[in-house]
Amino acid sequence: MSPSRSHEDGFTLVELLIGLVIMVLVVGALSQVIISVSFNADRTVTRVTSSGSAFLTGARFAEDVGTSSAVGSTPPVSRAVTGCGGDPKALVRLLSVSGSAGVGIVVTSYSVTSDHVLERRTCVGSSVDDALAATPRVIAVVPDLALSPKPVTVECRATAGALAAPASVAGDAQCRLVAMTVVTKDRYSFTVRGLRSEGSSTGSAPVLRRCTLVVSDDANVYQDQPDRNFNDRDDYGESPGGRNFIEDRSRAGKIISGYFRFNLSGPCDGTASGEPAFMPPQRTLTSASLRLVFHDATQNLSNQKCTSQHNLDVLARAWDPATLTWNTSPVQQFPLDGLQPIRHGFTTQASWVDRSLTVNVLPEVRHWYPSPGGGDWANRGWVVSDMPNGCDEHESNKFMSKGSNNALTPRLVLSWTE
């Protein structure tokens, strides 16, 4: 028998190809692992950096809001205004009064730079204007913001359950809860919040929970000139030097009615006595008192004991003092959209001269005022009319109006709780 042939050392072509494929797969998998580990490491570092920015920003922001307070008539929190150091693009500006001797007013503002950095700027001065003009201390609180048009937004609310306040002077007056939302370059988003204390010291008495509003619109309509607009002029608007009044009259064929309303978002008239700059929304109203000043009654002086009876009716439809006439006046148009009329009655004496009277108008103001359970009626104001009561000499009653331009004009005084 011949000896058997020994196998030659080495790999066949098929084996080499299989090994090559396995190597490619292993190397590819390892590469993915390395890339993934590197990417996650970078992302972890970025996320840690962003989280650190969020933590530091949140701590600073909460303190800045919590210690903010009004300075004179300047509100404690303002948005989209001139910031510290004269920065014209401040997202939010906060004021406070320093207890340190020689420091005075502290202004803190947050701004986004052209390099997409969120900066916190602080400056001090003897007044708000001095502080704004001072050289600021600048800290970069978030270095890498998103490239979107608004990587940082600021929102204000009066209470936790309130709607976001509009970006306006009146809206800024509501800023008690302030939130700043930041989006970083890696799309990490966080929100920092601060609660402004109502008891923040301003070096003066605490702000009263009361707002006195001055009449914003008024007008008269005359039955015997039904297509003519008089606004709040008296004597048919024919006397250029005449005083302006809200009037009412019940004389047959010559009835006069007076219209007026108040802007509930308007400025408070009593800031000098401790009222806030603007009436804040989302409060629980406890009182609403309408003050009218009875100027005089154009009736025979021999009948000074004549007492006039007046109705004060809530209006359901819109009116414009510049175009209102007798024929376009929204009288007797209830019910409208399910609303029912509210009427108040009061009396005046013919002998009165510039005497004030008050009417409780809380029921309708609660419907007009934006608060939980309120704000379901449009604020159209009131119409005042005189009721016939046997005073034959009776002509018309005059009440001070917006055009009277003095301290006797109609006022609405609101009080509330937090």
Protein backbone atom coordinates (compact mmCIF):
# COMPACT_ATOMS: atom_id res chain seq x y z
CA MET A 1 0.00 0.00 0.00
CA SER A 2 1.18 3.46 -0.80
CA PRO A 3 1.36 5.96 2.07
CA SER A 4 -1.54 8.54 2.37
CA ARG A 5 -1.00 12.15 1.09
CA SER A 6 -0.49 14.68 3.89
CA HIS A 7 -2.63 17.88 3.79
CA GLU A 8 -0.85 21.07 2.78
CA ASP A 9 -0.69 23.94 5.33
CA GLY A 10 -2.77 27.21 4.65
CA PHE A 11 -6.37 28.43 3.97
CA THR A 12 -8.52 28.00 1.02
CA LEU A 13 -9.85 31.04 -0.88
CA VAL A 14 -13.29 30.58 0.59
CA GLU A 15 -11.92 30.60 4.12
CA LEU A 16 -9.95 33.78 3.43
CA LEU A 17 -13.04 35.53 2.09
CA ILE A 18 -15.13 34.51 5.10
CA GLY A 19 -12.42 35.76 7.48
CA LEU A 20 -12.20 39.05 5.64
CA VAL A 21 -15.95 39.60 5.94
CA ILE A 22 -15.85 38.83 9.67
CA MET A 23 -12.99 41.32 10.16
CA VAL A 24 -14.92 44.05 8.35
CA LEU A 25 -17.98 43.45 10.50
CA VAL A 26 -15.97 43.44 13.75
CA VAL A 27 -14.03 46.59 12.83
CA GLY A 28 -17.28 48.37 11.82
CA ALA A 29 -18.95 47.45 15.08
CA LEU A 30 -15.97 48.61 17.08
CA SER A 31 -15.93 51.90 15.17
CA GLN A 32 -19.62 52.49 15.95
CA VAL A 33 -18.97 51.80 19.61
CA ILE A 34 -16.04 54.23 19.67
CA ILE A 35 -18.00 56.93 17.83
CA SER A 36 -21.03 56.45 20.06
CA VAL A 37 -18.95 56.61 23.23
CA SER A 38 -17.21 59.76 21.98
CA PHE A 39 -20.53 61.39 20.96
CA ASN A 40 -22.21 60.54 24.24
CA ALA A 41 -19.24 61.81 26.16
CA ASP A 42 -19.37 65.12 24.32
CA ARG A 43 -23.14 65.27 24.76
CA THR A 44 -22.81 64.43 28.45
CA VAL A 45 -20.28 67.22 28.92
CA THR A 46 -22.56 69.65 27.07
CA ARG A 47 -25.60 68.56 29.05
CA VAL A 48 -23.72 68.87 32.33
CA THR A 49 -22.59 72.35 31.29
CA SER A 50 -26.15 73.30 30.36
CA SER A 51 -27.49 71.86 33.59
CA GLY A 52 -24.93 73.84 35.53
CA SER A 53 -26.00 76.98 33.70
CA ALA A 54 -29.61 76.20 34.51
CA PHE A 55 -28.83 75.73 38.19
CA LEU A 56 -26.80 78.92 38.52
CA THR A 57 -29.26 80.95 36.44
CA GLY A 58 -32.19 79.65 38.44
CA ALA A 59 -30.61 80.56 41.76
CA ARG A 60 -29.69 84.07 40.63
CA PHE A 61 -32.98 84.72 38.84
CA ALA A 62 -35.13 83.60 41.78
CA GLU A 63 -33.23 85.94 44.09
CA ASP A 64 -33.39 88.84 41.62
CA VAL A 65 -37.17 88.53 41.27
CA GLY A 66 -37.77 87.84 44.95
CA THR A 67 -36.00 90.99 46.10
CA SER A 68 -37.40 93.28 43.39
CA SER A 69 -39.50 96.24 44.43
CA ALA A 70 -40.98 99.37 42.93
CA VAL A 71 -38.95 102.55 43.07
CA GLY A 72 -41.33 105.50 43.13
CA SER A 73 -43.63 105.10 40.14
CA THR A 74 -41.21 102.74 38.34
CA PRO A 75 -42.49 99.13 38.54
CA PRO A 76 -40.28 96.41 40.03
CA VAL A 77 -40.35 94.22 36.90
CA SER A 78 -40.33 95.47 33.30
CA ARG A 79 -39.89 93.63 30.00
CA ALA A 80 -38.38 94.80 26.71
CA VAL A 81 -37.04 98.03 28.20
CA THR A 82 -33.67 99.73 28.61
CA GLY A 83 -31.51 97.60 30.86
CA CYS A 84 -28.49 98.01 33.05
CA GLY A 85 -25.72 100.07 31.48
CA GLY A 86 -28.13 101.53 28.92
CA ASP A 87 -28.61 98.22 27.13
CA PRO A 88 -31.56 98.79 24.74
CA LYS A 89 -32.35 95.08 24.33
CA ALA A 90 -32.94 93.91 27.88
CA LEU A 91 -35.39 91.00 28.06
CA VAL A 92 -36.33 91.81 31.64
CA ARG A 93 -35.28 94.46 34.14
CA LEU A 94 -35.64 94.20 37.90
CA LEU A 95 -35.28 96.96 40.48
CA SER A 96 -34.41 96.72 44.15
CA VAL A 97 -33.34 98.98 46.99
CA SER A 98 -30.03 98.11 48.59
CA GLY A 99 -29.64 98.17 52.33
CA SER A 100 -25.93 98.95 52.01
CA ALA A 101 -24.95 102.51 52.83
CA GLY A 102 -24.13 104.60 49.80
CA VAL A 103 -25.49 102.09 47.25
CA GLY A 104 -29.13 103.07 46.76
CA ILE A 105 -30.93 101.64 43.72
CA VAL A 106 -29.84 98.31 42.20
CA VAL A 107 -30.85 97.48 38.62
CA THR A 108 -30.48 93.93 37.31
CA SER A 109 -31.26 93.03 33.71
CA TYR A 110 -30.94 89.97 31.47
CA SER A 111 -29.96 90.33 27.81
CA VAL A 112 -28.96 88.18 24.83
CA THR A 113 -25.78 89.30 23.05
CA SER A 114 -24.99 89.07 19.35
CA ASP A 115 -22.73 86.11 20.22
CA HIS A 116 -25.75 84.17 21.55
CA VAL A 117 -24.84 84.55 25.21
CA LEU A 118 -27.33 85.23 27.98
CA GLU A 119 -25.87 87.90 30.23
CA ARG A 120 -26.88 89.10 33.68
CA ARG A 121 -26.04 92.75 34.18
CA THR A 122 -26.03 94.61 37.49
CA CYS A 123 -25.53 98.31 38.12
CA VAL A 124 -26.19 100.69 41.00
CA GLY A 125 -26.89 104.36 41.47
CA SER A 126 -28.67 106.93 43.58
CA SER A 127 -31.71 106.72 41.28
CA VAL A 128 -33.00 104.45 38.52
CA ASP A 129 -31.63 106.76 35.82
CA ASP A 130 -28.22 106.97 37.52
CA ALA A 131 -28.06 103.18 37.81
CA LEU A 132 -29.01 102.64 34.16
CA ALA A 133 -26.23 105.00 33.10
CA ALA A 134 -23.61 103.36 35.33
CA THR A 135 -20.99 100.85 34.17
CA PRO A 136 -22.51 97.40 34.66
CA ARG A 137 -21.08 94.27 36.20
CA VAL A 138 -21.61 91.57 33.55
CA ILE A 139 -21.82 87.81 34.06
CA ALA A 140 -22.34 85.29 31.24
CA VAL A 141 -24.93 82.95 32.78
CA VAL A 142 -25.62 80.79 29.68
CA PRO A 143 -22.75 80.83 27.13
CA ASP A 144 -24.20 78.87 24.17
CA LEU A 145 -27.76 79.77 23.27
CA ALA A 146 -29.75 78.35 20.38
CA LEU A 147 -29.52 80.25 17.11
CA SER A 148 -33.28 80.70 16.94
CA PRO A 149 -34.72 84.23 16.86
CA LYS A 150 -35.89 84.01 20.48
CA PRO A 151 -33.71 81.60 22.47
CA VAL A 152 -34.81 83.31 25.69
CA THR A 153 -38.39 84.37 26.56
CA VAL A 154 -39.80 85.96 29.71
CA GLU A 155 -43.37 85.47 30.95
CA CYS A 156 -45.23 87.12 33.82
CA ARG A 157 -48.31 86.12 35.80
CA ALA A 158 -50.17 87.74 38.65
CA THR A 159 -50.80 84.37 40.34
CA ALA A 160 -50.07 80.74 39.58
CA GLY A 161 -53.54 80.22 38.10
CA ALA A 162 -53.65 83.49 36.17
CA LEU A 163 -53.22 83.90 32.44
CA ALA A 164 -49.91 85.18 31.13
CA ALA A 165 -49.80 88.97 31.32
CA PRO A 166 -49.48 90.84 28.02
CA ALA A 167 -46.14 92.39 27.11
CA SER A 168 -47.16 95.95 27.91
CA VAL A 169 -46.79 98.50 30.70
CA ALA A 170 -50.11 97.39 32.16
CA GLY A 171 -49.06 93.74 31.79
CA ASP A 172 -45.75 94.34 33.55
CA ALA A 173 -47.67 95.73 36.52
CA GLN A 174 -49.00 92.17 36.98
CA CYS A 175 -45.53 90.60 37.18
CA ARG A 176 -45.43 88.75 40.46
CA LEU A 177 -44.58 85.28 39.16
CA VAL A 178 -41.82 85.69 36.56
CA ALA A 179 -40.52 82.82 34.41
CA MET A 180 -37.59 82.84 31.97
CA THR A 181 -37.28 79.98 29.46
CA VAL A 182 -33.88 79.33 27.88
CA VAL A 183 -32.98 77.09 24.92
CA THR A 184 -29.30 76.20 24.52
CA LYS A 185 -27.33 75.42 21.37
CA ASP A 186 -27.76 71.67 21.88
CA ARG A 187 -31.56 72.20 22.18
CA TYR A 188 -31.54 71.73 25.94
CA SER A 189 -34.45 73.76 27.34
CA PHE A 190 -34.98 74.87 30.91
CA THR A 191 -37.16 77.40 32.75
CA VAL A 192 -36.15 79.40 35.81
CA ARG A 193 -38.74 81.13 38.00
CA GLY A 194 -38.95 83.78 40.64
CA LEU A 195 -41.71 84.95 42.98
CA ARG A 196 -41.82 88.63 43.81
CA SER A 197 -42.66 89.29 47.43
CA GLU A 198 -45.44 91.80 47.98
CA GLY A 199 -43.59 92.82 51.11
CA SER A 200 -40.34 93.72 49.36
CA SER A 201 -39.00 96.82 51.01
CA THR A 202 -39.03 100.03 49.01
CA GLY A 203 -38.15 102.33 51.85
CA SER A 204 -41.81 103.46 51.99
CA ALA A 205 -45.23 102.23 53.01
CA PRO A 206 -46.49 98.98 51.42
CA VAL A 207 -48.53 99.23 48.24
CA LEU A 208 -52.25 99.53 48.91
CA ARG A 209 -54.66 96.96 47.53
CA ARG A 210 -56.70 99.71 46.00
CA CYS A 211 -56.80 101.43 42.62
CA THR A 212 -58.58 104.68 41.78
CA LEU A 213 -59.47 104.96 38.09
CA VAL A 214 -60.42 108.20 36.36
CA VAL A 215 -63.24 108.14 33.77
CA SER A 216 -61.85 107.32 30.32
CA ASP A 217 -64.82 108.10 28.04
CA ASP A 218 -68.07 110.06 28.37
CA ALA A 219 -70.72 111.63 26.14
CA ASN A 220 -74.22 113.13 26.10
CA VAL A 221 -77.16 112.52 23.76
CA TYR A 222 -80.06 114.95 23.20
CA GLN A 223 -83.50 113.81 22.12
CA ASP A 224 -84.36 117.09 20.39
CA GLN A 225 -81.19 116.92 18.26
CA PRO A 226 -81.13 113.19 17.57
CA ASP A 227 -78.43 113.11 14.88
CA ARG A 228 -75.93 115.44 16.49
CA ASN A 229 -72.85 114.35 18.42
CA PHE A 230 -72.16 116.41 21.55
CA ASN A 231 -69.48 114.29 23.23
CA ASP A 232 -69.53 115.62 26.83
CA ARG A 233 -70.22 119.27 25.96
CA ASP A 234 -73.14 121.00 27.63
CA ASP A 235 -75.47 123.78 26.37
CA TYR A 236 -75.72 121.90 23.07
CA GLY A 237 -71.99 122.38 22.52
CA GLU A 238 -72.58 125.91 21.29
CA SER A 239 -70.56 127.76 23.92
CA PRO A 240 -66.80 127.49 23.17
CA GLY A 241 -65.94 128.68 26.66
CA GLY A 242 -68.54 126.51 28.39
CA ARG A 243 -67.69 123.77 30.87
CA ASN A 244 -68.15 120.12 30.02
CA PHE A 245 -70.54 117.91 31.97
CA ILE A 246 -72.34 114.60 31.90
CA GLU A 247 -76.02 115.51 31.91
CA ASP A 248 -79.44 113.96 32.29
CA ARG A 249 -82.92 115.45 31.88
CA SER A 250 -86.45 114.05 31.75
CA ARG A 251 -88.31 117.05 30.36
CA ALA A 252 -90.82 115.90 27.74
CA GLY A 253 -89.41 116.09 24.23
CA LYS A 254 -85.99 117.19 25.48
CA ILE A 255 -84.59 114.15 27.25
CA ILE A 256 -80.83 114.04 27.84
CA SER A 257 -78.83 110.94 28.80
CA GLY A 258 -75.18 110.74 29.81
CA TYR A 259 -72.80 107.90 29.00
CA PHE A 260 -69.48 107.05 30.63
CA ARG A 261 -67.06 104.17 31.23
CA PHE A 262 -63.69 103.37 32.81
CA ASN A 263 -60.68 101.53 31.39
CA LEU A 264 -59.98 98.84 33.99
CA SER A 265 -56.45 98.42 32.60
CA GLY A 266 -55.73 102.12 32.94
CA PRO A 267 -53.29 103.70 35.42
CA CYS A 268 -54.25 104.16 39.06
CA ASP A 269 -54.72 107.79 40.03
CA GLY A 270 -53.56 107.34 43.62
CA THR A 271 -49.94 106.25 43.18
CA ALA A 272 -48.80 109.17 45.33
CA SER A 273 -50.86 107.78 48.23
CA GLY A 274 -49.54 104.23 47.87
CA GLU A 275 -51.67 102.70 45.11
CA PRO A 276 -49.94 100.51 42.47
CA ALA A 277 -49.14 101.97 39.07
CA PHE A 278 -51.85 99.91 37.36
CA MET A 279 -54.82 97.84 38.39
CA PRO A 280 -53.54 94.23 38.49
CA PRO A 281 -55.74 91.47 37.03
CA GLN A 282 -56.72 88.17 38.59
CA ARG A 283 -57.51 89.60 42.02
CA THR A 284 -60.62 88.94 44.09
CA LEU A 285 -62.53 92.22 44.12
CA THR A 286 -64.05 93.18 47.47
CA SER A 287 -65.53 96.57 46.54
CA ALA A 288 -66.17 98.81 43.53
CA SER A 289 -67.42 102.30 44.29
CA LEU A 290 -68.41 104.76 41.59
CA ARG A 291 -67.98 108.38 42.61
CA LEU A 292 -69.96 111.03 40.74
CA VAL A 293 -69.89 114.73 41.56
CA PHE A 294 -73.22 116.54 41.17
CA HIS A 295 -72.39 120.03 39.90
CA ASP A 296 -75.81 121.69 39.88
CA ALA A 297 -79.39 121.53 38.57
CA THR A 298 -80.69 124.10 36.10
CA GLN A 299 -84.11 124.55 37.63
CA ASN A 300 -86.08 127.33 39.30
CA LEU A 301 -84.31 128.40 42.46
CA SER A 302 -87.68 128.76 44.19
CA ASN A 303 -87.86 124.98 44.30
CA GLN A 304 -84.57 124.14 45.98
CA LYS A 305 -86.16 121.23 47.85
CA CYS A 306 -86.79 119.41 44.58
CA THR A 307 -85.16 115.97 44.68
CA SER A 308 -84.23 114.32 41.38
CA GLN A 309 -84.26 110.57 40.98
CA HIS A 310 -81.73 108.98 38.67
CA ASN A 311 -81.19 105.55 37.12
CA LEU A 312 -77.73 104.20 36.42
CA ASP A 313 -77.97 101.36 33.87
CA VAL A 314 -75.26 99.00 32.66
CA LEU A 315 -74.80 99.13 28.89
CA ALA A 316 -74.80 96.03 26.72
CA ARG A 317 -73.61 97.47 23.42
CA ALA A 318 -70.57 99.39 22.24
CA TRP A 319 -70.53 103.16 21.76
CA ASP A 320 -67.98 105.74 20.69
CA PRO A 321 -68.00 109.20 22.34
CA ALA A 322 -66.81 110.78 19.09
CA THR A 323 -69.81 109.54 17.08
CA LEU A 324 -72.56 108.82 19.64
CA THR A 325 -75.96 110.43 18.94
CA TRP A 326 -79.47 109.98 20.29
CA ASN A 327 -80.42 107.85 17.30
CA THR A 328 -77.36 105.57 17.65
CA SER A 329 -77.31 105.36 21.46
CA PRO A 330 -77.46 101.81 22.88
CA VAL A 331 -80.45 102.38 25.17
CA GLN A 332 -82.88 99.63 26.20
CA GLN A 333 -81.07 96.89 24.26
CA PHE A 334 -81.00 94.23 26.97
CA PRO A 335 -81.04 91.29 27.11
CA LEU A 336 -78.03 90.73 24.90
CA ASP A 337 -76.17 87.43 24.61
CA GLY A 338 -77.85 86.18 27.74
CA LEU A 339 -76.89 89.24 29.82
CA GLN A 340 -79.51 90.76 32.08
CA PRO A 341 -79.69 94.46 32.96
CA ILE A 342 -78.26 95.88 36.16
CA ARG A 343 -79.80 99.11 37.37
CA HIS A 344 -78.84 101.33 40.29
CA GLY A 345 -80.87 104.22 41.67
CA PHE A 346 -79.74 107.37 43.45
CA THR A 347 -81.07 110.84 44.22
CA THR A 348 -79.74 114.39 44.13
CA GLN A 349 -80.96 117.63 45.69
CA ALA A 350 -81.41 120.80 43.65
CA SER A 351 -79.52 122.81 46.26
CA TRP A 352 -76.36 120.72 45.94
CA VAL A 353 -73.29 122.29 44.37
CA ASP A 354 -70.24 120.12 43.57
CA ARG A 355 -71.29 117.44 46.03
CA SER A 356 -70.00 113.89 45.56
CA LEU A 357 -72.07 110.73 45.82
CA THR A 358 -71.10 107.07 45.58
CA VAL A 359 -72.82 104.06 44.05
CA ASN A 360 -71.92 100.43 44.74
CA VAL A 361 -71.22 98.93 41.29
CA LEU A 362 -69.44 95.75 42.39
CA PRO A 363 -71.89 93.35 40.60
CA GLU A 364 -71.13 94.59 37.07
CA VAL A 365 -67.45 95.37 37.65
CA ARG A 366 -66.93 91.75 38.70
CA HIS A 367 -68.33 90.76 35.29
CA TRP A 368 -66.00 93.20 33.49
CA TYR A 369 -62.84 92.59 35.49
CA PRO A 370 -60.47 89.77 34.31
CA SER A 371 -60.37 87.36 37.23
CA PRO A 372 -61.39 83.77 38.03
CA GLY A 373 -65.15 83.70 37.48
CA GLY A 374 -65.15 87.21 35.96
CA GLY A 375 -64.38 88.92 32.71
CA ASP A 376 -67.39 87.36 30.96
CA TRP A 377 -68.96 90.71 30.01
CA ALA A 378 -67.58 93.38 27.71
CA ASN A 379 -67.05 96.64 29.59
CA ARG A 380 -69.50 99.10 27.96
CA GLY A 381 -69.92 101.36 30.99
CA TRP A 382 -73.15 103.06 32.14
CA VAL A 383 -75.89 105.45 31.05
CA VAL A 384 -77.36 107.87 33.61
CA SER A 385 -80.93 109.12 33.13
CA ASP A 386 -83.31 111.29 35.11
CA MET A 387 -86.77 110.07 36.12
CA PRO A 388 -89.83 112.38 36.09
CA ASN A 389 -90.90 113.12 39.64
CA GLY A 390 -93.23 116.10 39.52
CA CYS A 391 -90.64 118.88 39.59
CA ASP A 392 -92.25 121.03 36.89
CA GLU A 393 -89.38 123.53 36.84
CA HIS A 394 -86.88 120.76 36.26
CA GLU A 395 -84.48 121.20 33.36
CA SER A 396 -81.26 119.16 33.60
CA ASN A 397 -78.77 117.80 36.10
CA LYS A 398 -75.06 118.28 35.52
CA PHE A 399 -72.35 115.91 36.75
CA MET A 400 -68.64 116.55 36.42
CA SER A 401 -67.15 114.83 33.36
CA LYS A 402 -63.80 113.92 31.84
CA GLY A 403 -63.78 117.31 30.15
CA SER A 404 -64.14 119.09 33.49
CA ASN A 405 -60.41 118.45 33.91
CA ASN A 406 -60.22 118.68 37.68
CA ALA A 407 -60.27 116.53 40.79
CA LEU A 408 -64.07 116.28 40.66
CA THR A 409 -64.26 114.10 37.54
CA PRO A 410 -65.90 110.64 37.88
CA ARG A 411 -63.77 108.03 39.59
CA LEU A 412 -64.05 104.29 40.16
CA VAL A 413 -62.33 102.96 43.30
CA LEU A 414 -61.54 99.23 43.35
CA SER A 415 -60.31 97.16 46.29
CA TRP A 416 -59.22 93.53 46.33
CA THR A 417 -57.55 90.69 48.17
CA GLU A 418 -54.69 88.52 46.92
